[in-house]
C-alpha atoms as a PDB file:
ATOM      1  CA  UNK A   1    -174.508 107.237  79.925  1.00  0.00           C
ATOM      2  CA  UNK A   2    -174.589 103.476  79.959  1.00  0.00           C
ATOM      3  CA  UNK A   3    -177.789 101.537  79.606  1.00  0.00           C
ATOM      4  CA  UNK A   4    -177.270  99.570  82.811  1.00  0.00           C
ATOM      5  CA  UNK A   5    -176.770 102.749  84.821  1.00  0.00           C
ATOM      6  CA  UNK A   6    -179.996 104.214  83.462  1.00  0.00           C
ATOM      7  CA  UNK A   7    -181.939 101.048  84.247  1.00  0.00           C
ATOM      8  CA  UNK A   8    -180.544 100.760  87.776  1.00  0.00           C
ATOM      9  CA  UNK A   9    -180.921 104.476  88.439  1.00  0.00           C
ATOM     10  CA  UNK A  10    -184.551 104.644  87.370  1.00  0.00           C
ATOM     11  CA  UNK A  11    -185.359 101.370  89.103  1.00  0.00           C
ATOM     12  CA  UNK A  12    -183.994 102.603  92.405  1.00  0.00           C
ATOM     13  CA  UNK A  13    -185.676 105.993  91.993  1.00  0.00           C
ATOM     14  CA  UNK A  14    -189.036 104.315  91.392  1.00  0.00           C
ATOM     15  CA  UNK A  15    -188.494 102.055  94.399  1.00  0.00           C
ATOM     16  CA  UNK A  16    -187.746 105.123  96.514  1.00  0.00           C
ATOM     17  CA  UNK A  17    -190.888 106.880  95.295  1.00  0.00           C
ATOM     18  CA  UNK A  18    -192.996 103.817  96.081  1.00  0.00           C
ATOM     19  CA  UNK A  19    -191.581 103.595  99.599  1.00  0.00           C
ATOM     20  CA  UNK A  20    -192.089 107.337 100.121  1.00  0.00           C
ATOM     21  CA  UNK A  21    -195.701 107.119  98.955  1.00  0.00           C
ATOM     22  CA  UNK A  22    -196.440 104.132 101.209  1.00  0.00           C
ATOM     23  CA  UNK A  23    -194.818 105.655 104.298  1.00  0.00           C
ATOM     24  CA  UNK A  24    -197.814 107.784 105.408  1.00  0.00           C
ATOM     25  CA  UNK A  25    -199.924 104.632 105.522  1.00  0.00           C
ATOM     26  CA  UNK A  26    -197.371 102.955 107.740  1.00  0.00           C
ATOM     27  CA  UNK A  27    -195.266 104.742 110.269  1.00  0.00           C
ATOM     28  CA  UNK A  28    -192.944 107.421 109.007  1.00  0.00           C
ATOM     29  CA  UNK A  29    -189.791 105.324 109.419  1.00  0.00           C
ATOM     30  CA  UNK A  30    -190.045 104.058 105.804  1.00  0.00           C
ATOM     31  CA  UNK A  31    -189.953 107.709 104.729  1.00  0.00           C
ATOM     32  CA  UNK A  32    -186.323 107.906 105.822  1.00  0.00           C
ATOM     33  CA  UNK A  33    -185.477 104.793 103.830  1.00  0.00           C
ATOM     34  CA  UNK A  34    -187.461 105.982 100.832  1.00  0.00           C
ATOM     35  CA  UNK A  35    -185.715 109.338 100.693  1.00  0.00           C
ATOM     36  CA  UNK A  36    -182.326 107.656 101.085  1.00  0.00           C
ATOM     37  CA  UNK A  37    -183.043 105.179  98.301  1.00  0.00           C
ATOM     38  CA  UNK A  38    -184.343 107.983  96.076  1.00  0.00           C
ATOM     39  CA  UNK A  39    -181.142 110.007  96.577  1.00  0.00           C
ATOM     40  CA  UNK A  40    -178.988 106.958  95.843  1.00  0.00           C
ATOM     41  CA  UNK A  41    -180.956 106.416  92.634  1.00  0.00           C
ATOM     42  CA  UNK A  42    -180.340 110.004  91.579  1.00  0.00           C
ATOM     43  CA  UNK A  43    -176.656 109.613  92.341  1.00  0.00           C
ATOM     44  CA  UNK A  44    -176.444 106.457  90.224  1.00  0.00           C
ATOM     45  CA  UNK A  45    -178.327 108.079  87.369  1.00  0.00           C
ATOM     46  CA  UNK A  46    -176.275 111.272  87.229  1.00  0.00           C
ATOM     47  CA  UNK A  47    -172.825 109.923  88.144  1.00  0.00           C
ATOM     48  CA  UNK A  48    -170.515 110.860  85.271  1.00  0.00           C
ATOM     49  CA  UNK A  49    -167.266 109.731  86.914  1.00  0.00           C
ATOM     50  CA  UNK A  50    -168.088 106.074  86.349  1.00  0.00           C
ATOM     51  CA  UNK A  51    -168.124 106.618  82.587  1.00  0.00           C
ATOM     52  CA  UNK A  52    -164.656 108.153  82.747  1.00  0.00           C
ATOM     53  CA  UNK A  53    -163.361 105.178  84.734  1.00  0.00           C
ATOM     54  CA  UNK A  54    -164.838 102.742  82.223  1.00  0.00           C
ATOM     55  CA  UNK A  55    -163.254 104.648  79.332  1.00  0.00           C
ATOM     56  CA  UNK A  56    -159.860 104.471  81.028  1.00  0.00           C
ATOM     57  CA  UNK A  57    -160.291 100.722  81.572  1.00  0.00           C
ATOM     58  CA  UNK A  58    -161.261 100.184  77.950  1.00  0.00           C
ATOM     59  CA  UNK A  59    -158.250 102.153  76.718  1.00  0.00           C
ATOM     60  CA  UNK A  60    -155.893 100.149  78.928  1.00  0.00           C
ATOM     61  CA  UNK A  61    -157.387  96.852  77.773  1.00  0.00           C
ATOM     62  CA  UNK A  62    -157.122  97.788  74.115  1.00  0.00           C
ATOM     63  CA  UNK A  63    -153.414  98.646  74.485  1.00  0.00           C
ATOM     64  CA  UNK A  64    -152.544  95.171  75.784  1.00  0.00           C
END
């Protein structure tokens, strides 16, 4: 798990939680955005395929 992915994942998750928590004060339209952003943050945080792609790139670069 790369450091940048953890930072971006948690940052987006926190942003989603903030939007979700503010949505009852506003209209409930931000709730849709907040849930979407939260899910994207989870996807970024737990995406393992990106690490495999980066390893393949690093192997190809080291062979050249």
